[in-house]
Amino acid sequence: MLISMTGFGRAECQEGDYTYQAEIRSVNNRFIEITTRLPKAYVDLEQPLKKLIKSHCSRGSINLTISLANSNEGSGEWEVKPNLSLATQYIDALNQIRDSLGLQGEVDLKSVVGLRDIIKIEPVALDPAKKDLILNITTEALVSLQKMREEEGENMQKDLAQRIDAIESHAAEIESRHPEVIKEYQEKLNERIKTLNEGVGLDETRLAQEAALLADRSDITEEMTRLKSHLDQFRNFFAAKEPIGRKLEFITQEINREVNTTGSKSSDTKVSNRVIEMKSELEKIREQVQNIE
């Protein structure tokens, strides 16, 4: 089954005053590229989380965000603390200045609240045991992400199958049309020679040779054989268990090669129209397979 590289997954859990949330998004990429946004208390989890993601996803640009919220104080990632030791030193210094200079007044909150580093903003010190919780909700988010990627992949597979069928149908029309193309060319050549010779008898042998040369130059037997093989290979990949996005990209290029060669070997309008239709389908296929894992 095909798996899309585009998806979204989310999971959360409540533990005490804290809500832990994991959100993971993915879009297409030729390789796997993972970025994480973690609370400062859990930055050392970056590599284990990336390893966990790689165990579920083989390709894609993947963004993981872990966030914390405290039900009592809002954000659970930071806390505001007074720097009491520094404030004590500030007060002692201010009292010394007052006494030494014979100044009046008492040192109060207004005197120190604006002084540098009196208030500290620090990352919340969280229980290291909660790291397993982070890994667990990330796993849940990955399962949700993978479900969405599989659902989109299933829809893409149906669309691709229809387009492969359409290309095969056009190819069958071209193949059945080919003998008629040779016959029509022979008739046109016959008429042209008659016109040029003004009714003089024709050299049937030479005419047959010209028709044979055209048949040889425009023979598409090999192209049709390879094209059918590529289309069958494309369909067979639908049942693959491993990621096959790159293989589909390659086989799409090979299909396009045979279609182009077929088009270059014929000047027949009907054949050209079928080739154009196949190229149109291939362009849509090419866009789709770029988003398959």
C-alpha atoms as a PDB file:
ATOM      1  CA  MET A   1       0.000   0.000   0.000  1.00  0.00           C
ATOM      2  CA  LEU A   2       1.215   3.495  -0.806  1.00  0.00           C
ATOM      3  CA  ILE A   3       1.917   5.912   2.052  1.00  0.00           C
ATOM      4  CA  SER A   4       1.804   9.676   1.606  1.00  0.00           C
ATOM      5  CA  MET A   5       4.509  11.888   3.103  1.00  0.00           C
ATOM      6  CA  THR A   6       1.945  14.516   4.125  1.00  0.00           C
ATOM      7  CA  GLY A   7       0.147  14.248   7.437  1.00  0.00           C
ATOM      8  CA  PHE A   8      -0.493  15.533  10.941  1.00  0.00           C
ATOM      9  CA  GLY A   9      -0.632  13.802  14.313  1.00  0.00           C
ATOM     10  CA  ARG A  10      -1.384  15.033  17.821  1.00  0.00           C
ATOM     11  CA  ALA A  11      -1.477  13.512  21.303  1.00  0.00           C
ATOM     12  CA  GLU A  12      -1.616  14.833  24.861  1.00  0.00           C
ATOM     13  CA  CYS A  13      -1.984  13.696  28.437  1.00  0.00           C
ATOM     14  CA  GLN A  14      -2.575  15.241  31.841  1.00  0.00           C
ATOM     15  CA  GLU A  15      -0.139  14.571  34.686  1.00  0.00           C
ATOM     16  CA  GLY A  16      -0.707  16.516  37.875  1.00  0.00           C
ATOM     17  CA  ASP A  17      -0.872  20.243  37.105  1.00  0.00           C
ATOM     18  CA  TYR A  18       0.787  19.792  33.729  1.00  0.00           C
ATOM     19  CA  THR A  19      -0.615  19.021  30.291  1.00  0.00           C
ATOM     20  CA  TYR A  20       1.906  17.437  27.939  1.00  0.00           C
ATOM     21  CA  GLN A  21       1.238  17.778  24.208  1.00  0.00           C
ATOM     22  CA  ALA A  22       2.995  16.429  21.108  1.00  0.00           C
ATOM     23  CA  GLU A  23       2.239  17.675  17.587  1.00  0.00           C
ATOM     24  CA  ILE A  24       3.946  16.286  14.520  1.00  0.00           C
ATOM     25  CA  ARG A  25       3.622  17.461  10.920  1.00  0.00           C
ATOM     26  CA  SER A  26       5.185  16.049   7.774  1.00  0.00           C
ATOM     27  CA  VAL A  27       5.461  17.119   4.142  1.00  0.00           C
ATOM     28  CA  ASN A  28       7.310  15.624   1.184  1.00  0.00           C
ATOM     29  CA  ASN A  29      11.078  15.517   0.918  1.00  0.00           C
ATOM     30  CA  ARG A  30      13.481  13.377  -1.120  1.00  0.00           C
ATOM     31  CA  PHE A  31      15.132  12.304   2.138  1.00  0.00           C
ATOM     32  CA  ILE A  32      14.167  12.440   5.827  1.00  0.00           C
ATOM     33  CA  GLU A  33      14.637  15.748   7.620  1.00  0.00           C
ATOM     34  CA  ILE A  34      13.525  16.116  11.242  1.00  0.00           C
ATOM     35  CA  THR A  35      13.258  19.304  13.280  1.00  0.00           C
ATOM     36  CA  THR A  36      12.177  19.458  16.914  1.00  0.00           C
ATOM     37  CA  ARG A  37      10.962  22.145  19.279  1.00  0.00           C
ATOM     38  CA  LEU A  38      11.305  21.015  22.889  1.00  0.00           C
ATOM     39  CA  PRO A  39      11.031  22.604  26.337  1.00  0.00           C
ATOM     40  CA  LYS A  40      14.484  23.432  27.694  1.00  0.00           C
ATOM     41  CA  ALA A  41      14.062  20.813  30.404  1.00  0.00           C
ATOM     42  CA  TYR A  42      13.893  18.110  27.725  1.00  0.00           C
ATOM     43  CA  VAL A  43      16.476  19.189  25.133  1.00  0.00           C
ATOM     44  CA  ASP A  44      18.456  16.007  25.810  1.00  0.00           C
ATOM     45  CA  LEU A  45      15.516  14.045  24.384  1.00  0.00           C
ATOM     46  CA  GLU A  46      16.121  15.401  20.874  1.00  0.00           C
ATOM     47  CA  GLN A  47      18.130  12.421  19.618  1.00  0.00           C
ATOM     48  CA  PRO A  48      15.881   9.712  21.166  1.00  0.00           C
ATOM     49  CA  LEU A  49      12.856  11.469  19.647  1.00  0.00           C
ATOM     50  CA  LYS A  50      14.480  11.659  16.221  1.00  0.00           C
ATOM     51  CA  LYS A  51      15.341   7.970  16.451  1.00  0.00           C
ATOM     52  CA  LEU A  52      11.718   7.238  17.374  1.00  0.00           C
ATOM     53  CA  ILE A  53      10.439   9.216  14.373  1.00  0.00           C
ATOM     54  CA  LYS A  54      12.819   7.403  12.012  1.00  0.00           C
ATOM     55  CA  SER A  55      11.443   4.081  13.236  1.00  0.00           C
ATOM     56  CA  HIS A  56       8.028   5.144  11.854  1.00  0.00           C
ATOM     57  CA  CYS A  57       8.917   7.335   8.852  1.00  0.00           C
ATOM     58  CA  SER A  58      11.463   6.769   6.068  1.00  0.00           C
ATOM     59  CA  ARG A  59      11.100  10.016   4.097  1.00  0.00           C
ATOM     60  CA  GLY A  60       9.690  13.490   4.549  1.00  0.00           C
ATOM     61  CA  SER A  61      10.283  16.830   6.246  1.00  0.00           C
ATOM     62  CA  ILE A  62       8.999  16.196   9.750  1.00  0.00           C
ATOM     63  CA  ASN A  63       8.455  18.792  12.464  1.00  0.00           C
ATOM     64  CA  LEU A  64       7.836  17.762  16.081  1.00  0.00           C
ATOM     65  CA  THR A  65       6.680  20.198  18.762  1.00  0.00           C
ATOM     66  CA  ILE A  66       6.487  19.229  22.428  1.00  0.00           C
ATOM     67  CA  SER A  67       4.720  21.756  24.663  1.00  0.00           C
ATOM     68  CA  LEU A  68       3.776  21.941  28.337  1.00  0.00           C
ATOM     69  CA  ALA A  69       1.016  23.882  30.038  1.00  0.00           C
ATOM     70  CA  ASN A  70       0.395  24.376  33.739  1.00  0.00           C
ATOM     71  CA  SER A  71      -3.283  24.447  34.697  1.00  0.00           C
ATOM     72  CA  ASN A  72      -2.550  26.875  37.527  1.00  0.00           C
ATOM     73  CA  GLU A  73      -0.073  29.257  35.907  1.00  0.00           C
ATOM     74  CA  GLY A  74      -0.612  29.014  32.142  1.00  0.00           C
ATOM     75  CA  SER A  75       2.709  28.200  30.500  1.00  0.00           C
ATOM     76  CA  GLY A  76       4.415  25.216  32.018  1.00  0.00           C
ATOM     77  CA  GLU A  77       7.841  25.793  30.455  1.00  0.00           C
ATOM     78  CA  TRP A  78       9.031  28.805  32.472  1.00  0.00           C
ATOM     79  CA  GLU A  79       8.769  30.084  36.018  1.00  0.00           C
ATOM     80  CA  VAL A  80       9.527  33.467  37.600  1.00  0.00           C
ATOM     81  CA  LYS A  81      11.644  33.453  40.767  1.00  0.00           C
ATOM     82  CA  PRO A  82      13.030  36.191  43.010  1.00  0.00           C
ATOM     83  CA  ASN A  83      16.795  36.392  43.325  1.00  0.00           C
ATOM     84  CA  LEU A  84      16.743  36.775  47.107  1.00  0.00           C
ATOM     85  CA  SER A  85      20.482  36.609  47.675  1.00  0.00           C
ATOM     86  CA  LEU A  86      21.115  39.392  45.170  1.00  0.00           C
ATOM     87  CA  ALA A  87      18.215  41.458  46.530  1.00  0.00           C
ATOM     88  CA  THR A  88      19.721  41.179  50.036  1.00  0.00           C
ATOM     89  CA  GLN A  89      23.048  42.486  48.759  1.00  0.00           C
ATOM     90  CA  TYR A  90      21.300  45.366  46.976  1.00  0.00           C
ATOM     91  CA  ILE A  91      19.462  46.333  50.200  1.00  0.00           C
ATOM     92  CA  ASP A  92      22.642  46.154  52.275  1.00  0.00           C
ATOM     93  CA  ALA A  93      24.425  48.344  49.716  1.00  0.00           C
ATOM     94  CA  LEU A  94      21.602  50.894  49.658  1.00  0.00           C
ATOM     95  CA  ASN A  95      21.531  51.059  53.467  1.00  0.00           C
ATOM     96  CA  GLN A  96      25.299  51.637  53.514  1.00  0.00           C
ATOM     97  CA  ILE A  97      24.951  54.464  50.999  1.00  0.00           C
ATOM     98  CA  ARG A  98      22.187  56.061  53.089  1.00  0.00           C
ATOM     99  CA  ASP A  99      24.113  55.825  56.360  1.00  0.00           C
ATOM    100  CA  SER A 100      27.432  56.954  54.909  1.00  0.00           C
ATOM    101  CA  LEU A 101      25.944  60.018  53.221  1.00  0.00           C
ATOM    102  CA  GLY A 102      23.536  60.865  56.044  1.00  0.00           C
ATOM    103  CA  LEU A 103      20.482  60.447  53.850  1.00  0.00           C
ATOM    104  CA  GLN A 104      16.916  60.014  55.057  1.00  0.00           C
ATOM    105  CA  GLY A 105      14.366  57.304  54.209  1.00  0.00           C
ATOM    106  CA  GLU A 106      13.956  53.560  54.281  1.00  0.00           C
ATOM    107  CA  VAL A 107      14.831  51.079  51.589  1.00  0.00           C
ATOM    108  CA  ASP A 108      11.530  49.570  50.349  1.00  0.00           C
ATOM    109  CA  LEU A 109      10.238  47.370  47.530  1.00  0.00           C
ATOM    110  CA  LYS A 110      10.133  50.295  45.091  1.00  0.00           C
ATOM    111  CA  SER A 111      13.828  50.888  45.711  1.00  0.00           C
ATOM    112  CA  VAL A 112      14.905  47.438  44.582  1.00  0.00           C
ATOM    113  CA  VAL A 113      12.240  46.074  42.229  1.00  0.00           C
ATOM    114  CA  GLY A 114      13.770  47.714  39.164  1.00  0.00           C
ATOM    115  CA  LEU A 115      17.335  46.720  39.916  1.00  0.00           C
ATOM    116  CA  ARG A 116      19.082  44.328  37.555  1.00  0.00           C
ATOM    117  CA  ASP A 117      18.544  40.567  37.926  1.00  0.00           C
ATOM    118  CA  ILE A 118      16.278  40.861  40.985  1.00  0.00           C
ATOM    119  CA  ILE A 119      13.696  38.735  39.126  1.00  0.00           C
ATOM    120  CA  LYS A 120      14.824  35.497  37.414  1.00  0.00           C
ATOM    121  CA  ILE A 121      13.016  33.667  34.597  1.00  0.00           C
ATOM    122  CA  GLU A 122      14.106  30.055  34.486  1.00  0.00           C
ATOM    123  CA  PRO A 123      13.044  26.866  32.701  1.00  0.00           C
ATOM    124  CA  VAL A 124      10.787  24.741  34.844  1.00  0.00           C
ATOM    125  CA  ALA A 125      12.736  21.965  36.495  1.00  0.00           C
ATOM    126  CA  LEU A 126      10.692  18.919  35.602  1.00  0.00           C
ATOM    127  CA  ASP A 127      10.868  15.395  36.859  1.00  0.00           C
ATOM    128  CA  PRO A 128      13.247  13.377  34.619  1.00  0.00           C
ATOM    129  CA  ALA A 129      10.868  10.443  35.003  1.00  0.00           C
ATOM    130  CA  LYS A 130       8.453  12.334  32.766  1.00  0.00           C
ATOM    131  CA  LYS A 131      10.769  11.712  29.812  1.00  0.00           C
ATOM    132  CA  ASP A 132       9.083   8.357  29.239  1.00  0.00           C
ATOM    133  CA  LEU A 133       5.776  10.206  29.153  1.00  0.00           C
ATOM    134  CA  ILE A 134       7.125  12.494  26.398  1.00  0.00           C
ATOM    135  CA  LEU A 135       8.268   9.490  24.371  1.00  0.00           C
ATOM    136  CA  ASN A 136       4.886   7.815  24.837  1.00  0.00           C
ATOM    137  CA  ILE A 137       2.780  10.769  23.662  1.00  0.00           C
ATOM    138  CA  THR A 138       5.167  11.255  20.725  1.00  0.00           C
ATOM    139  CA  THR A 139       4.553   7.619  19.783  1.00  0.00           C
ATOM    140  CA  GLU A 140       0.791   8.240  19.963  1.00  0.00           C
ATOM    141  CA  ALA A 141       1.164  11.316  17.739  1.00  0.00           C
ATOM    142  CA  LEU A 142       3.235   9.264  15.279  1.00  0.00           C
ATOM    143  CA  VAL A 143       0.520   6.592  15.124  1.00  0.00           C
ATOM    144  CA  SER A 144      -2.031   9.329  14.373  1.00  0.00           C
ATOM    145  CA  LEU A 145       0.284  10.827  11.753  1.00  0.00           C
ATOM    146  CA  GLN A 146       0.845   7.451  10.124  1.00  0.00           C
ATOM    147  CA  LYS A 147      -2.886   6.765   9.960  1.00  0.00           C
ATOM    148  CA  MET A 148      -3.452  10.017   8.072  1.00  0.00           C
ATOM    149  CA  ARG A 149      -0.513   9.277   5.754  1.00  0.00           C
ATOM    150  CA  GLU A 150      -1.909   5.827   5.005  1.00  0.00           C
ATOM    151  CA  GLU A 151      -5.395   7.170   4.298  1.00  0.00           C
ATOM    152  CA  GLU A 152      -4.028   9.774   1.901  1.00  0.00           C
ATOM    153  CA  GLY A 153      -1.772   7.131   0.345  1.00  0.00           C
ATOM    154  CA  GLU A 154      -4.789   4.909  -0.289  1.00  0.00           C
ATOM    155  CA  ASN A 155      -6.574   7.741  -2.117  1.00  0.00           C
ATOM    156  CA  MET A 156      -3.442   8.472  -4.131  1.00  0.00           C
ATOM    157  CA  GLN A 157      -3.147   4.796  -5.067  1.00  0.00           C
ATOM    158  CA  LYS A 158      -6.687   4.782  -6.477  1.00  0.00           C
ATOM    159  CA  ASP A 159      -5.946   7.898  -8.523  1.00  0.00           C
ATOM    160  CA  LEU A 160      -2.629   6.539  -9.811  1.00  0.00           C
ATOM    161  CA  ALA A 161      -4.209   3.204 -10.766  1.00  0.00           C
ATOM    162  CA  GLN A 162      -6.799   5.021 -12.882  1.00  0.00           C
ATOM    163  CA  ARG A 163      -4.103   7.059 -14.613  1.00  0.00           C
ATOM    164  CA  ILE A 164      -1.983   3.973 -15.327  1.00  0.00           C
ATOM    165  CA  ASP A 165      -5.086   2.311 -16.801  1.00  0.00           C
ATOM    166  CA  ALA A 166      -5.659   5.377 -18.979  1.00  0.00           C
ATOM    167  CA  ILE A 167      -2.078   5.281 -20.299  1.00  0.00           C
ATOM    168  CA  GLU A 168      -2.443   1.577 -21.056  1.00  0.00           C
ATOM    169  CA  SER A 169      -5.671   2.264 -22.940  1.00  0.00           C
ATOM    170  CA  HIS A 170      -4.036   5.001 -25.029  1.00  0.00           C
ATOM    171  CA  ALA A 171      -1.090   2.714 -25.751  1.00  0.00           C
ATOM    172  CA  ALA A 172      -3.445  -0.024 -26.960  1.00  0.00           C
ATOM    173  CA  GLU A 173      -5.084   2.445 -29.347  1.00  0.00           C
ATOM    174  CA  ILE A 174      -1.679   3.488 -30.702  1.00  0.00           C
ATOM    175  CA  GLU A 175      -0.647  -0.135 -31.165  1.00  0.00           C
ATOM    176  CA  SER A 176      -3.840  -1.031 -33.031  1.00  0.00           C
ATOM    177  CA  ARG A 177      -3.546   2.128 -35.114  1.00  0.00           C
ATOM    178  CA  HIS A 178       0.033   1.451 -36.261  1.00  0.00           C
ATOM    179  CA  PRO A 179      -0.742  -0.947 -39.188  1.00  0.00           C
ATOM    180  CA  GLU A 180      -3.302   1.540 -40.494  1.00  0.00           C
ATOM    181  CA  VAL A 181      -0.675   4.306 -40.343  1.00  0.00           C
ATOM    182  CA  ILE A 182       1.640   2.274 -42.608  1.00  0.00           C
ATOM    183  CA  LYS A 183      -1.215   1.529 -45.014  1.00  0.00           C
ATOM    184  CA  GLU A 184      -2.275   5.179 -45.192  1.00  0.00           C
ATOM    185  CA  TYR A 185       1.323   6.255 -45.776  1.00  0.00           C
ATOM    186  CA  GLN A 186       1.631   3.779 -48.642  1.00  0.00           C
ATOM    187  CA  GLU A 187      -1.570   5.101 -50.229  1.00  0.00           C
ATOM    188  CA  LYS A 188      -0.434   8.731 -49.884  1.00  0.00           C
ATOM    189  CA  LEU A 189       2.954   7.851 -51.337  1.00  0.00           C
ATOM    190  CA  ASN A 190       1.238   6.098 -54.230  1.00  0.00           C
ATOM    191  CA  GLU A 191      -0.942   9.114 -54.980  1.00  0.00           C
ATOM    192  CA  ARG A 192       1.970  11.503 -54.746  1.00  0.00           C
ATOM    193  CA  ILE A 193       4.093   9.501 -57.184  1.00  0.00           C
ATOM    194  CA  LYS A 194       1.180   9.289 -59.588  1.00  0.00           C
ATOM    195  CA  THR A 195       0.824  13.042 -59.504  1.00  0.00           C
ATOM    196  CA  LEU A 196       4.533  13.597 -60.040  1.00  0.00           C
ATOM    197  CA  ASN A 197       4.704  11.046 -62.893  1.00  0.00           C
ATOM    198  CA  GLU A 198       1.512  12.348 -64.525  1.00  0.00           C
ATOM    199  CA  GLY A 199       0.032   8.876 -64.933  1.00  0.00           C
ATOM    200  CA  VAL A 200       3.238   7.052 -65.851  1.00  0.00           C
ATOM    201  CA  GLY A 201       3.304   3.516 -64.481  1.00  0.00           C
ATOM    202  CA  LEU A 202       4.576   3.043 -60.947  1.00  0.00           C
ATOM    203  CA  ASP A 203       7.475   0.944 -59.805  1.00  0.00           C
ATOM    204  CA  GLU A 204       5.632  -1.295 -57.365  1.00  0.00           C
ATOM    205  CA  THR A 205       8.895  -2.692 -56.032  1.00  0.00           C
ATOM    206  CA  ARG A 206      10.201   0.761 -55.154  1.00  0.00           C
ATOM    207  CA  LEU A 207       6.887   1.661 -53.571  1.00  0.00           C
ATOM    208  CA  ALA A 208       6.992  -1.454 -51.417  1.00  0.00           C
ATOM    209  CA  GLN A 209      10.560  -0.615 -50.400  1.00  0.00           C
ATOM    210  CA  GLU A 210       9.553   2.906 -49.282  1.00  0.00           C
ATOM    211  CA  ALA A 211       6.666   1.521 -47.269  1.00  0.00           C
ATOM    212  CA  ALA A 212       8.978  -1.042 -45.689  1.00  0.00           C
ATOM    213  CA  LEU A 213      11.475   1.671 -44.760  1.00  0.00           C
ATOM    214  CA  LEU A 214       8.732   3.686 -43.068  1.00  0.00           C
ATOM    215  CA  ALA A 215       7.510   0.607 -41.239  1.00  0.00           C
ATOM    216  CA  ASP A 216      11.030  -0.024 -39.951  1.00  0.00           C
ATOM    217  CA  ARG A 217      11.663   3.589 -38.909  1.00  0.00           C
ATOM    218  CA  SER A 218       8.305   3.891 -37.177  1.00  0.00           C
ATOM    219  CA  ASP A 219       8.201   0.437 -35.614  1.00  0.00           C
ATOM    220  CA  ILE A 220       7.068   0.796 -31.994  1.00  0.00           C
ATOM    221  CA  THR A 221       6.972  -2.871 -31.030  1.00  0.00           C
ATOM    222  CA  GLU A 222       9.856  -2.566 -28.560  1.00  0.00           C
ATOM    223  CA  GLU A 223       8.477   0.661 -27.070  1.00  0.00           C
ATOM    224  CA  MET A 224       5.046  -0.898 -26.551  1.00  0.00           C
ATOM    225  CA  THR A 225       6.563  -4.022 -24.992  1.00  0.00           C
ATOM    226  CA  ARG A 226       8.669  -2.014 -22.552  1.00  0.00           C
ATOM    227  CA  LEU A 227       5.792   0.335 -21.807  1.00  0.00           C
ATOM    228  CA  LYS A 228       3.489  -2.547 -20.878  1.00  0.00           C
ATOM    229  CA  SER A 229       6.213  -3.976 -18.652  1.00  0.00           C
ATOM    230  CA  HIS A 230       6.723  -0.630 -16.884  1.00  0.00           C
ATOM    231  CA  LEU A 231       2.989  -0.211 -16.326  1.00  0.00           C
ATOM    232  CA  ASP A 232       2.794  -3.694 -14.802  1.00  0.00           C
ATOM    233  CA  GLN A 233       5.767  -2.895 -12.559  1.00  0.00           C
ATOM    234  CA  PHE A 234       4.082   0.297 -11.442  1.00  0.00           C
ATOM    235  CA  ARG A 235       0.964  -1.631 -10.415  1.00  0.00           C
ATOM    236  CA  ASN A 236       3.005  -4.300  -8.638  1.00  0.00           C
ATOM    237  CA  PHE A 237       4.560  -1.646  -6.393  1.00  0.00           C
ATOM    238  CA  PHE A 238       1.107  -0.995  -4.911  1.00  0.00           C
ATOM    239  CA  ALA A 239       1.464  -4.221  -2.906  1.00  0.00           C
ATOM    240  CA  ALA A 240       4.973  -3.442  -1.622  1.00  0.00           C
ATOM    241  CA  LYS A 241       5.529  -3.404   2.139  1.00  0.00           C
ATOM    242  CA  GLU A 242       8.534  -1.092   2.084  1.00  0.00           C
ATOM    243  CA  PRO A 243       8.691   2.598   1.026  1.00  0.00           C
ATOM    244  CA  ILE A 244       8.657   2.718  -2.785  1.00  0.00           C
ATOM    245  CA  GLY A 245       8.327   6.433  -3.616  1.00  0.00           C
ATOM    246  CA  ARG A 246      11.746   6.658  -5.267  1.00  0.00           C
ATOM    247  CA  LYS A 247      11.121   3.497  -7.267  1.00  0.00           C
ATOM    248  CA  LEU A 248       7.860   4.946  -8.543  1.00  0.00           C
ATOM    249  CA  GLU A 249       9.682   8.141  -9.540  1.00  0.00           C
ATOM    250  CA  PHE A 250      12.198   6.067 -11.513  1.00  0.00           C
ATOM    251  CA  ILE A 251       9.596   3.882 -13.249  1.00  0.00           C
ATOM    252  CA  THR A 252       7.606   7.030 -14.122  1.00  0.00           C
ATOM    253  CA  GLN A 253      10.692   8.401 -15.889  1.00  0.00           C
ATOM    254  CA  GLU A 254      11.033   5.131 -17.817  1.00  0.00           C
ATOM    255  CA  ILE A 255       7.375   5.239 -18.873  1.00  0.00           C
ATOM    256  CA  ASN A 256       7.872   8.810 -20.052  1.00  0.00           C
ATOM    257  CA  ARG A 257      10.922   7.734 -22.067  1.00  0.00           C
ATOM    258  CA  GLU A 258       8.911   5.121 -23.990  1.00  0.00           C
ATOM    259  CA  VAL A 259       6.030   7.540 -24.566  1.00  0.00           C
ATOM    260  CA  ASN A 260       8.404  10.183 -25.957  1.00  0.00           C
ATOM    261  CA  THR A 261      10.087   7.681 -28.280  1.00  0.00           C
ATOM    262  CA  THR A 262       6.700   6.484 -29.520  1.00  0.00           C
ATOM    263  CA  GLY A 263       5.672  10.051 -30.270  1.00  0.00           C
ATOM    264  CA  SER A 264       8.901  10.806 -32.134  1.00  0.00           C
ATOM    265  CA  LYS A 265       8.418   7.763 -34.390  1.00  0.00           C
ATOM    266  CA  SER A 266       5.050   8.830 -35.734  1.00  0.00           C
ATOM    267  CA  SER A 267       3.706  11.847 -37.587  1.00  0.00           C
ATOM    268  CA  ASP A 268       0.148  10.527 -37.518  1.00  0.00           C
ATOM    269  CA  THR A 269      -2.302  12.964 -35.926  1.00  0.00           C
ATOM    270  CA  LYS A 270      -4.306  10.331 -34.086  1.00  0.00           C
ATOM    271  CA  VAL A 271      -1.181   8.754 -32.635  1.00  0.00           C
ATOM    272  CA  SER A 272       0.133  12.190 -31.638  1.00  0.00           C
ATOM    273  CA  ASN A 273      -3.130  12.929 -29.835  1.00  0.00           C
ATOM    274  CA  ARG A 274      -2.869   9.710 -27.855  1.00  0.00           C
ATOM    275  CA  VAL A 275       0.758  10.526 -26.962  1.00  0.00           C
ATOM    276  CA  ILE A 276      -0.345  13.957 -25.705  1.00  0.00           C
ATOM    277  CA  GLU A 277      -2.986  12.318 -23.530  1.00  0.00           C
ATOM    278  CA  MET A 278      -0.411   9.919 -22.085  1.00  0.00           C
ATOM    279  CA  LYS A 279       1.971  12.783 -21.328  1.00  0.00           C
ATOM    280  CA  SER A 280      -0.832  14.639 -19.577  1.00  0.00           C
ATOM    281  CA  GLU A 281      -1.492  11.625 -17.349  1.00  0.00           C
ATOM    282  CA  LEU A 282       2.228  11.197 -16.698  1.00  0.00           C
ATOM    283  CA  GLU A 283       2.578  14.791 -15.558  1.00  0.00           C
ATOM    284  CA  LYS A 284      -0.124  14.237 -12.947  1.00  0.00           C
ATOM    285  CA  ILE A 285       1.470  10.931 -11.935  1.00  0.00           C
ATOM    286  CA  ARG A 286       4.848  12.636 -11.548  1.00  0.00           C
ATOM    287  CA  GLU A 287       3.328  15.196  -9.175  1.00  0.00           C
ATOM    288  CA  GLN A 288       1.676  12.466  -7.120  1.00  0.00           C
ATOM    289  CA  VAL A 289       4.641  10.128  -6.720  1.00  0.00           C
ATOM    290  CA  GLN A 290       6.795  12.976  -5.373  1.00  0.00           C
ATOM    291  CA  ASN A 291       4.614  12.874  -2.263  1.00  0.00           C
ATOM    292  CA  ILE A 292       4.833   9.093  -1.729  1.00  0.00           C
ATOM    293  CA  GLU A 293       7.117   7.752   0.992  1.00  0.00           C
END
